[in-house]
C-alpha cells in the first residue's frame, strides 16, 4: 500500500470511535449467544408506538434480544462493544452548537437520554486468499459498523431522530469536531436513500483531517420507541479517499430484528 494511502487510513483511524475500528481487527465475539431463541426475541420486539406519548421503552433485557448477535449478518462478525470502547457525548465538541447532536451520534455516542442502550461492533469478513498482498487488500476492503440501539419512553425516539434530521440539514455545509483529542472537519453531509423499519434515514458524511478526505455513513432506523444508529467506515475507501456502499446486510439484519 502506498505511503499516501497509509496516511489517509491513519487519519480515518484518528477520528473514529475505538469501538468501530477494533471491529475490523476481531474481538471476543460473545455478542448475543441466545441467537436462535425465536420465541424470546419475538416477545421483545417493539410495537409501532413511536407517536404514543405514554409508550414505554424496552427494558435493557428486551433491548439485548433485538440487538445484533453473531450469526445475524451473513459474512460478518458481530461482537459486543465493551465499556472501554464507548464514547460519551461530552467527549465530542463542535464549533457550531447546532451540529452537536450530529457529531455525537456520528462518533457513536447516545442521542439524548435513552432508558436503555446496547452497542455492537459489526465487521465484514475479508475474502481469503493465498496471496499475501491480495489478503491484505481484502482485510482493508471491509466495512465496519458500530451499531447502537437506544430505547426511549414516549416520543423520545421520534424526537431524537427529528433532532438529528434538523442538525443534518443545518450542518450540511460542514462543521469542525474534536473527538479523542483529534480535530476533524466535516465538509459535507448528504442524505442518501435507505429503507428499513418504520422510519429510516441515511447520510454520507465527508470528513477531512490533515488535508485528507474520506467518507463515513450514518444510518438511523426507528421502530416504535427504539432507535438504531449505525456508523460505518470502510478502511480501503478511506485510504483511497473514496466512497463506499451502505452496509445493506447490516441494515437489513437490524431492521428485521426490530420488526
C-alpha atoms as a PDB file:
ATOM      1  CA  UNK A   1       0.000   0.000   0.000  1.00  0.00           C
ATOM      2  CA  UNK A   2       1.284   3.444  -0.929  1.00  0.00           C
ATOM      3  CA  UNK A   3       2.539   5.770   1.868  1.00  0.00           C
ATOM      4  CA  UNK A   4      -0.189   8.288   0.990  1.00  0.00           C
ATOM      5  CA  UNK A   5      -2.852   5.612   1.340  1.00  0.00           C
ATOM      6  CA  UNK A   6      -1.447   4.531   4.696  1.00  0.00           C
ATOM      7  CA  UNK A   7      -1.542   8.143   5.864  1.00  0.00           C
ATOM      8  CA  UNK A   8      -5.180   8.515   4.824  1.00  0.00           C
ATOM      9  CA  UNK A   9      -6.071   5.391   6.754  1.00  0.00           C
ATOM     10  CA  UNK A  10      -4.285   6.716   9.835  1.00  0.00           C
ATOM     11  CA  UNK A  11      -6.276   9.930   9.584  1.00  0.00           C
ATOM     12  CA  UNK A  12      -9.510   7.966   9.379  1.00  0.00           C
ATOM     13  CA  UNK A  13      -8.487   5.891  12.371  1.00  0.00           C
ATOM     14  CA  UNK A  14      -7.886   9.011  14.437  1.00  0.00           C
ATOM     15  CA  UNK A  15     -11.396  10.359  14.131  1.00  0.00           C
ATOM     16  CA  UNK A  16     -13.328   7.136  14.527  1.00  0.00           C
ATOM     17  CA  UNK A  17     -14.514   5.619  17.760  1.00  0.00           C
ATOM     18  CA  UNK A  18     -12.221   2.874  19.025  1.00  0.00           C
ATOM     19  CA  UNK A  19     -15.195   0.531  19.084  1.00  0.00           C
ATOM     20  CA  UNK A  20     -15.724   0.859  15.344  1.00  0.00           C
ATOM     21  CA  UNK A  21     -12.084   0.407  14.408  1.00  0.00           C
ATOM     22  CA  UNK A  22     -11.422  -2.612  16.602  1.00  0.00           C
ATOM     23  CA  UNK A  23     -14.333  -4.379  14.920  1.00  0.00           C
ATOM     24  CA  UNK A  24     -12.163  -4.787  11.837  1.00  0.00           C
ATOM     25  CA  UNK A  25      -9.442  -6.498  13.850  1.00  0.00           C
ATOM     26  CA  UNK A  26     -11.567  -9.071  15.651  1.00  0.00           C
ATOM     27  CA  UNK A  27     -12.961  -9.185  19.180  1.00  0.00           C
ATOM     28  CA  UNK A  28     -14.308 -11.519  21.834  1.00  0.00           C
ATOM     29  CA  UNK A  29     -17.296 -12.479  19.629  1.00  0.00           C
ATOM     30  CA  UNK A  30     -19.591 -13.072  22.609  1.00  0.00           C
ATOM     31  CA  UNK A  31     -22.487 -10.956  21.356  1.00  0.00           C
ATOM     32  CA  UNK A  32     -25.958 -12.382  21.822  1.00  0.00           C
ATOM     33  CA  UNK A  33     -25.299 -16.065  22.453  1.00  0.00           C
ATOM     34  CA  UNK A  34     -29.052 -16.502  22.785  1.00  0.00           C
ATOM     35  CA  UNK A  35     -29.128 -16.380  18.975  1.00  0.00           C
ATOM     36  CA  UNK A  36     -31.901 -18.599  17.664  1.00  0.00           C
ATOM     37  CA  UNK A  37     -34.295 -18.165  20.594  1.00  0.00           C
ATOM     38  CA  UNK A  38     -37.021 -17.020  18.262  1.00  0.00           C
ATOM     39  CA  UNK A  39     -39.845 -17.007  20.804  1.00  0.00           C
ATOM     40  CA  UNK A  40     -37.951 -14.827  23.276  1.00  0.00           C
ATOM     41  CA  UNK A  41     -36.854 -12.431  20.557  1.00  0.00           C
ATOM     42  CA  UNK A  42     -40.356 -12.094  19.174  1.00  0.00           C
ATOM     43  CA  UNK A  43     -41.771 -11.171  22.578  1.00  0.00           C
ATOM     44  CA  UNK A  44     -39.153  -8.441  22.939  1.00  0.00           C
ATOM     45  CA  UNK A  45     -39.811  -6.668  19.656  1.00  0.00           C
ATOM     46  CA  UNK A  46     -41.450  -3.237  19.939  1.00  0.00           C
ATOM     47  CA  UNK A  47     -44.843  -2.419  18.538  1.00  0.00           C
ATOM     48  CA  UNK A  48     -45.487   0.704  16.495  1.00  0.00           C
ATOM     49  CA  UNK A  49     -45.696   3.109  19.422  1.00  0.00           C
ATOM     50  CA  UNK A  50     -43.442   5.844  18.142  1.00  0.00           C
ATOM     51  CA  UNK A  51     -46.182   8.509  18.261  1.00  0.00           C
ATOM     52  CA  UNK A  52     -47.645   7.465  21.639  1.00  0.00           C
ATOM     53  CA  UNK A  53     -46.506   9.758  24.447  1.00  0.00           C
ATOM     54  CA  UNK A  54     -47.332   7.050  27.005  1.00  0.00           C
ATOM     55  CA  UNK A  55     -45.393   4.261  25.273  1.00  0.00           C
ATOM     56  CA  UNK A  56     -42.779   2.540  27.407  1.00  0.00           C
ATOM     57  CA  UNK A  57     -39.216   1.877  26.356  1.00  0.00           C
ATOM     58  CA  UNK A  58     -37.930  -1.655  26.020  1.00  0.00           C
ATOM     59  CA  UNK A  59     -36.148  -2.859  29.110  1.00  0.00           C
ATOM     60  CA  UNK A  60     -32.410  -3.464  28.992  1.00  0.00           C
ATOM     61  CA  UNK A  61     -33.046  -7.215  28.700  1.00  0.00           C
ATOM     62  CA  UNK A  62     -35.566  -6.734  25.877  1.00  0.00           C
ATOM     63  CA  UNK A  63     -33.194  -4.417  24.037  1.00  0.00           C
ATOM     64  CA  UNK A  64     -30.453  -7.048  24.207  1.00  0.00           C
ATOM     65  CA  UNK A  65     -32.740  -9.503  22.443  1.00  0.00           C
ATOM     66  CA  UNK A  66     -33.295  -7.210  19.458  1.00  0.00           C
ATOM     67  CA  UNK A  67     -29.628  -6.226  19.221  1.00  0.00           C
ATOM     68  CA  UNK A  68     -27.486  -7.866  16.561  1.00  0.00           C
ATOM     69  CA  UNK A  69     -25.812 -11.139  17.503  1.00  0.00           C
ATOM     70  CA  UNK A  70     -23.203 -13.381  15.932  1.00  0.00           C
ATOM     71  CA  UNK A  71     -24.847 -15.203  13.031  1.00  0.00           C
ATOM     72  CA  UNK A  72     -27.446 -12.491  12.317  1.00  0.00           C
ATOM     73  CA  UNK A  73     -25.453 -10.918   9.459  1.00  0.00           C
ATOM     74  CA  UNK A  74     -24.085 -13.257   6.799  1.00  0.00           C
ATOM     75  CA  UNK A  75     -20.330 -12.982   6.221  1.00  0.00           C
ATOM     76  CA  UNK A  76     -19.942 -10.584   9.150  1.00  0.00           C
ATOM     77  CA  UNK A  77     -18.547 -10.863  12.645  1.00  0.00           C
ATOM     78  CA  UNK A  78     -20.658  -9.380  15.451  1.00  0.00           C
ATOM     79  CA  UNK A  79     -19.416  -8.661  18.962  1.00  0.00           C
ATOM     80  CA  UNK A  80     -20.490  -6.619  21.957  1.00  0.00           C
ATOM     81  CA  UNK A  81     -18.764  -3.299  22.430  1.00  0.00           C
ATOM     82  CA  UNK A  82     -17.045  -3.047  25.803  1.00  0.00           C
ATOM     83  CA  UNK A  83     -17.162  -0.120  28.260  1.00  0.00           C
ATOM     84  CA  UNK A  84     -13.662   0.806  27.099  1.00  0.00           C
ATOM     85  CA  UNK A  85     -14.960   1.136  23.532  1.00  0.00           C
ATOM     86  CA  UNK A  86     -17.734   3.570  24.404  1.00  0.00           C
ATOM     87  CA  UNK A  87     -17.594   7.310  23.844  1.00  0.00           C
ATOM     88  CA  UNK A  88     -19.783   9.833  25.647  1.00  0.00           C
ATOM     89  CA  UNK A  89     -21.244  12.965  24.133  1.00  0.00           C
ATOM     90  CA  UNK A  90     -19.205  15.259  26.381  1.00  0.00           C
ATOM     91  CA  UNK A  91     -16.025  13.824  24.811  1.00  0.00           C
ATOM     92  CA  UNK A  92     -17.082  15.235  21.429  1.00  0.00           C
ATOM     93  CA  UNK A  93     -17.020  19.011  20.884  1.00  0.00           C
ATOM     94  CA  UNK A  94     -18.049  21.109  17.876  1.00  0.00           C
ATOM     95  CA  UNK A  95     -17.613  24.668  16.648  1.00  0.00           C
ATOM     96  CA  UNK A  96     -21.347  25.044  15.880  1.00  0.00           C
ATOM     97  CA  UNK A  97     -23.878  24.277  18.600  1.00  0.00           C
ATOM     98  CA  UNK A  98     -26.497  23.180  16.063  1.00  0.00           C
ATOM     99  CA  UNK A  99     -24.192  20.340  14.964  1.00  0.00           C
ATOM    100  CA  UNK A 100     -23.551  18.916  18.429  1.00  0.00           C
ATOM    101  CA  UNK A 101     -26.088  16.072  18.289  1.00  0.00           C
ATOM    102  CA  UNK A 102     -24.995  15.022  14.805  1.00  0.00           C
ATOM    103  CA  UNK A 103     -21.339  14.883  15.865  1.00  0.00           C
ATOM    104  CA  UNK A 104     -22.210  12.864  18.967  1.00  0.00           C
ATOM    105  CA  UNK A 105     -24.170  10.251  17.032  1.00  0.00           C
ATOM    106  CA  UNK A 106     -21.588  10.105  14.229  1.00  0.00           C
ATOM    107  CA  UNK A 107     -18.963   9.207  16.828  1.00  0.00           C
ATOM    108  CA  UNK A 108     -21.178   6.523  18.393  1.00  0.00           C
ATOM    109  CA  UNK A 109     -22.430   8.453  21.422  1.00  0.00           C
ATOM    110  CA  UNK A 110     -26.062   8.220  22.537  1.00  0.00           C
ATOM    111  CA  UNK A 111     -28.696  10.701  21.370  1.00  0.00           C
ATOM    112  CA  UNK A 112     -30.498  12.350  24.263  1.00  0.00           C
ATOM    113  CA  UNK A 113     -31.266  10.255  27.335  1.00  0.00           C
ATOM    114  CA  UNK A 114     -32.474   6.773  26.380  1.00  0.00           C
ATOM    115  CA  UNK A 115     -33.838   4.496  29.083  1.00  0.00           C
ATOM    116  CA  UNK A 116     -31.524   1.694  27.914  1.00  0.00           C
ATOM    117  CA  UNK A 117     -28.920   1.175  25.207  1.00  0.00           C
ATOM    118  CA  UNK A 118     -26.702  -1.502  23.665  1.00  0.00           C
ATOM    119  CA  UNK A 119     -23.769  -1.349  21.276  1.00  0.00           C
ATOM    120  CA  UNK A 120     -22.364  -3.852  18.806  1.00  0.00           C
ATOM    121  CA  UNK A 121     -19.296  -3.954  16.579  1.00  0.00           C
ATOM    122  CA  UNK A 122     -20.043  -5.463  13.161  1.00  0.00           C
ATOM    123  CA  UNK A 123     -17.285  -6.176  10.632  1.00  0.00           C
ATOM    124  CA  UNK A 124     -17.416  -7.765   7.221  1.00  0.00           C
ATOM    125  CA  UNK A 125     -15.283 -10.891   6.851  1.00  0.00           C
ATOM    126  CA  UNK A 126     -12.486 -10.486   4.274  1.00  0.00           C
ATOM    127  CA  UNK A 127     -12.267 -12.863   1.351  1.00  0.00           C
ATOM    128  CA  UNK A 128      -9.478 -15.384   1.899  1.00  0.00           C
ATOM    129  CA  UNK A 129      -6.517 -15.576  -0.460  1.00  0.00           C
ATOM    130  CA  UNK A 130      -3.176 -17.402  -0.568  1.00  0.00           C
ATOM    131  CA  UNK A 131      -1.597 -14.256  -1.977  1.00  0.00           C
ATOM    132  CA  UNK A 132      -0.387 -12.097   0.977  1.00  0.00           C
ATOM    133  CA  UNK A 133      -0.856  -8.856  -0.946  1.00  0.00           C
ATOM    134  CA  UNK A 134      -4.389  -9.761  -2.003  1.00  0.00           C
ATOM    135  CA  UNK A 135      -5.185 -10.868   1.527  1.00  0.00           C
ATOM    136  CA  UNK A 136      -4.024  -7.507   2.875  1.00  0.00           C
ATOM    137  CA  UNK A 137      -6.214  -5.736   0.338  1.00  0.00           C
ATOM    138  CA  UNK A 138      -9.155  -7.912   1.339  1.00  0.00           C
ATOM    139  CA  UNK A 139      -8.632  -7.178   5.034  1.00  0.00           C
ATOM    140  CA  UNK A 140      -8.644  -3.456   4.294  1.00  0.00           C
ATOM    141  CA  UNK A 141     -11.649  -3.634   1.984  1.00  0.00           C
ATOM    142  CA  UNK A 142     -14.263  -4.451   4.590  1.00  0.00           C
ATOM    143  CA  UNK A 143     -16.851  -2.157   6.073  1.00  0.00           C
ATOM    144  CA  UNK A 144     -17.019  -1.917   9.845  1.00  0.00           C
ATOM    145  CA  UNK A 145     -20.134  -0.662  11.609  1.00  0.00           C
ATOM    146  CA  UNK A 146     -20.825   0.478  15.138  1.00  0.00           C
ATOM    147  CA  UNK A 147     -24.481  -0.343  15.845  1.00  0.00           C
ATOM    148  CA  UNK A 148     -26.045   1.482  18.792  1.00  0.00           C
ATOM    149  CA  UNK A 149     -29.592   0.645  19.933  1.00  0.00           C
ATOM    150  CA  UNK A 150     -31.419   3.093  22.191  1.00  0.00           C
ATOM    151  CA  UNK A 151     -34.782   2.594  23.883  1.00  0.00           C
ATOM    152  CA  UNK A 152     -36.852   5.650  24.823  1.00  0.00           C
ATOM    153  CA  UNK A 153     -40.055   6.298  26.726  1.00  0.00           C
ATOM    154  CA  UNK A 154     -42.914   8.088  24.984  1.00  0.00           C
ATOM    155  CA  UNK A 155     -41.892  10.064  21.917  1.00  0.00           C
ATOM    156  CA  UNK A 156     -38.194  10.045  22.757  1.00  0.00           C
ATOM    157  CA  UNK A 157     -37.123   8.060  19.691  1.00  0.00           C
ATOM    158  CA  UNK A 158     -39.174  10.259  17.354  1.00  0.00           C
ATOM    159  CA  UNK A 159     -37.749  13.402  18.932  1.00  0.00           C
ATOM    160  CA  UNK A 160     -34.177  12.130  18.829  1.00  0.00           C
ATOM    161  CA  UNK A 161     -34.479  11.271  15.130  1.00  0.00           C
ATOM    162  CA  UNK A 162     -36.194  14.571  14.323  1.00  0.00           C
ATOM    163  CA  UNK A 163     -33.406  16.448  16.096  1.00  0.00           C
ATOM    164  CA  UNK A 164     -30.794  14.548  14.108  1.00  0.00           C
ATOM    165  CA  UNK A 165     -32.549  15.317  10.815  1.00  0.00           C
ATOM    166  CA  UNK A 166     -32.627  19.011  11.711  1.00  0.00           C
ATOM    167  CA  UNK A 167     -28.942  19.001  12.620  1.00  0.00           C
ATOM    168  CA  UNK A 168     -28.040  17.250   9.356  1.00  0.00           C
ATOM    169  CA  UNK A 169     -29.887  19.936   7.386  1.00  0.00           C
ATOM    170  CA  UNK A 170     -28.454  22.873   9.321  1.00  0.00           C
ATOM    171  CA  UNK A 171     -24.919  21.465   9.204  1.00  0.00           C
ATOM    172  CA  UNK A 172     -24.956  20.107   5.638  1.00  0.00           C
ATOM    173  CA  UNK A 173     -22.221  22.512   4.537  1.00  0.00           C
ATOM    174  CA  UNK A 174     -19.894  21.414   7.313  1.00  0.00           C
ATOM    175  CA  UNK A 175     -18.551  21.973  10.813  1.00  0.00           C
ATOM    176  CA  UNK A 176     -15.496  21.132  12.878  1.00  0.00           C
ATOM    177  CA  UNK A 177     -15.488  18.475  15.586  1.00  0.00           C
ATOM    178  CA  UNK A 178     -12.927  17.309  18.102  1.00  0.00           C
ATOM    179  CA  UNK A 179     -13.023  13.704  19.328  1.00  0.00           C
ATOM    180  CA  UNK A 180     -10.353  11.711  21.153  1.00  0.00           C
ATOM    181  CA  UNK A 181      -8.188  14.823  21.095  1.00  0.00           C
ATOM    182  CA  UNK A 182      -8.164  14.984  17.280  1.00  0.00           C
ATOM    183  CA  UNK A 183      -9.729  17.847  15.343  1.00  0.00           C
ATOM    184  CA  UNK A 184     -11.540  16.925  12.126  1.00  0.00           C
ATOM    185  CA  UNK A 185     -13.700  18.889   9.710  1.00  0.00           C
ATOM    186  CA  UNK A 186     -16.961  17.550   8.351  1.00  0.00           C
ATOM    187  CA  UNK A 187     -17.106  19.185   4.923  1.00  0.00           C
ATOM    188  CA  UNK A 188     -20.424  17.804   3.671  1.00  0.00           C
ATOM    189  CA  UNK A 189     -23.483  15.874   4.847  1.00  0.00           C
ATOM    190  CA  UNK A 190     -25.555  14.388   2.013  1.00  0.00           C
ATOM    191  CA  UNK A 191     -28.710  12.312   2.516  1.00  0.00           C
ATOM    192  CA  UNK A 192     -28.820   9.002   0.635  1.00  0.00           C
ATOM    193  CA  UNK A 193     -31.766   6.612   0.049  1.00  0.00           C
ATOM    194  CA  UNK A 194     -32.275   3.820   2.573  1.00  0.00           C
ATOM    195  CA  UNK A 195     -35.148   1.540   3.606  1.00  0.00           C
ATOM    196  CA  UNK A 196     -35.843  -0.267   6.855  1.00  0.00           C
ATOM    197  CA  UNK A 197     -38.044  -0.277   9.971  1.00  0.00           C
ATOM    198  CA  UNK A 198     -40.899   2.239  10.329  1.00  0.00           C
ATOM    199  CA  UNK A 199     -38.647   5.188   9.622  1.00  0.00           C
ATOM    200  CA  UNK A 200     -35.172   5.276   8.098  1.00  0.00           C
ATOM    201  CA  UNK A 201     -32.671   7.905   7.025  1.00  0.00           C
ATOM    202  CA  UNK A 202     -29.019   7.749   5.999  1.00  0.00           C
ATOM    203  CA  UNK A 203     -26.254  10.189   5.170  1.00  0.00           C
ATOM    204  CA  UNK A 204     -22.850  10.112   3.531  1.00  0.00           C
ATOM    205  CA  UNK A 205     -20.589  12.269   5.675  1.00  0.00           C
ATOM    206  CA  UNK A 206     -17.408  13.625   4.108  1.00  0.00           C
ATOM    207  CA  UNK A 207     -14.670  14.212   6.684  1.00  0.00           C
ATOM    208  CA  UNK A 208     -11.341  15.984   6.277  1.00  0.00           C
ATOM    209  CA  UNK A 209      -8.303  15.699   8.538  1.00  0.00           C
ATOM    210  CA  UNK A 210      -4.764  16.859   7.830  1.00  0.00           C
ATOM    211  CA  UNK A 211      -5.793  17.703   4.273  1.00  0.00           C
ATOM    212  CA  UNK A 212      -7.126  14.217   3.514  1.00  0.00           C
ATOM    213  CA  UNK A 213     -10.805  13.484   2.828  1.00  0.00           C
ATOM    214  CA  UNK A 214     -12.759  10.277   3.335  1.00  0.00           C
ATOM    215  CA  UNK A 215     -16.372   9.158   3.685  1.00  0.00           C
ATOM    216  CA  UNK A 216     -18.404   7.781   6.565  1.00  0.00           C
ATOM    217  CA  UNK A 217     -22.001   6.551   6.613  1.00  0.00           C
ATOM    218  CA  UNK A 218     -24.559   7.335   9.309  1.00  0.00           C
ATOM    219  CA  UNK A 219     -27.836   5.382   9.236  1.00  0.00           C
ATOM    220  CA  UNK A 220     -30.833   5.725  11.556  1.00  0.00           C
ATOM    221  CA  UNK A 221     -33.668   3.198  11.895  1.00  0.00           C
ATOM    222  CA  UNK A 222     -36.673   3.840  14.138  1.00  0.00           C
ATOM    223  CA  UNK A 223     -39.041   1.069  15.150  1.00  0.00           C
ATOM    224  CA  UNK A 224     -41.613   2.140  17.718  1.00  0.00           C
ATOM    225  CA  UNK A 225     -39.784   3.563  20.727  1.00  0.00           C
ATOM    226  CA  UNK A 226     -36.410   2.125  19.690  1.00  0.00           C
ATOM    227  CA  UNK A 227     -33.782   3.905  17.602  1.00  0.00           C
ATOM    228  CA  UNK A 228     -30.893   2.116  15.895  1.00  0.00           C
ATOM    229  CA  UNK A 229     -27.871   4.194  14.941  1.00  0.00           C
ATOM    230  CA  UNK A 230     -25.299   2.686  12.564  1.00  0.00           C
ATOM    231  CA  UNK A 231     -21.966   4.421  11.874  1.00  0.00           C
ATOM    232  CA  UNK A 232     -19.836   2.817   9.158  1.00  0.00           C
ATOM    233  CA  UNK A 233     -16.330   3.163   7.755  1.00  0.00           C
ATOM    234  CA  UNK A 234     -14.509   1.285   5.001  1.00  0.00           C
ATOM    235  CA  UNK A 235     -10.751   1.430   5.542  1.00  0.00           C
ATOM    236  CA  UNK A 236      -9.876   0.799   1.909  1.00  0.00           C
ATOM    237  CA  UNK A 237     -12.163   3.610   0.744  1.00  0.00           C
ATOM    238  CA  UNK A 238     -10.723   5.874   3.437  1.00  0.00           C
ATOM    239  CA  UNK A 239      -7.190   5.030   2.342  1.00  0.00           C
ATOM    240  CA  UNK A 240      -8.005   5.969  -1.247  1.00  0.00           C
ATOM    241  CA  UNK A 241     -10.117   8.978  -0.344  1.00  0.00           C
ATOM    242  CA  UNK A 242     -13.201   7.457  -1.983  1.00  0.00           C
ATOM    243  CA  UNK A 243     -16.771   6.498  -1.130  1.00  0.00           C
ATOM    244  CA  UNK A 244     -18.365   3.116  -0.364  1.00  0.00           C
ATOM    245  CA  UNK A 245     -21.793   1.495  -0.357  1.00  0.00           C
ATOM    246  CA  UNK A 246     -24.203   1.485   2.562  1.00  0.00           C
ATOM    247  CA  UNK A 247     -23.845  -1.646   4.739  1.00  0.00           C
ATOM    248  CA  UNK A 248     -27.156  -3.043   3.492  1.00  0.00           C
ATOM    249  CA  UNK A 249     -26.661  -6.500   5.022  1.00  0.00           C
ATOM    250  CA  UNK A 250     -26.252  -4.922   8.463  1.00  0.00           C
ATOM    251  CA  UNK A 251     -29.161  -2.538   7.928  1.00  0.00           C
ATOM    252  CA  UNK A 252     -31.482  -5.326   6.792  1.00  0.00           C
ATOM    253  CA  UNK A 253     -30.476  -7.610   9.666  1.00  0.00           C
ATOM    254  CA  UNK A 254     -31.044  -4.928  12.286  1.00  0.00           C
ATOM    255  CA  UNK A 255     -34.362  -3.872  10.789  1.00  0.00           C
ATOM    256  CA  UNK A 256     -35.507  -7.496  10.772  1.00  0.00           C
ATOM    257  CA  UNK A 257     -34.713  -7.945  14.468  1.00  0.00           C
ATOM    258  CA  UNK A 258     -36.607  -4.784  15.335  1.00  0.00           C
ATOM    259  CA  UNK A 259     -39.672  -5.614  13.203  1.00  0.00           C
END
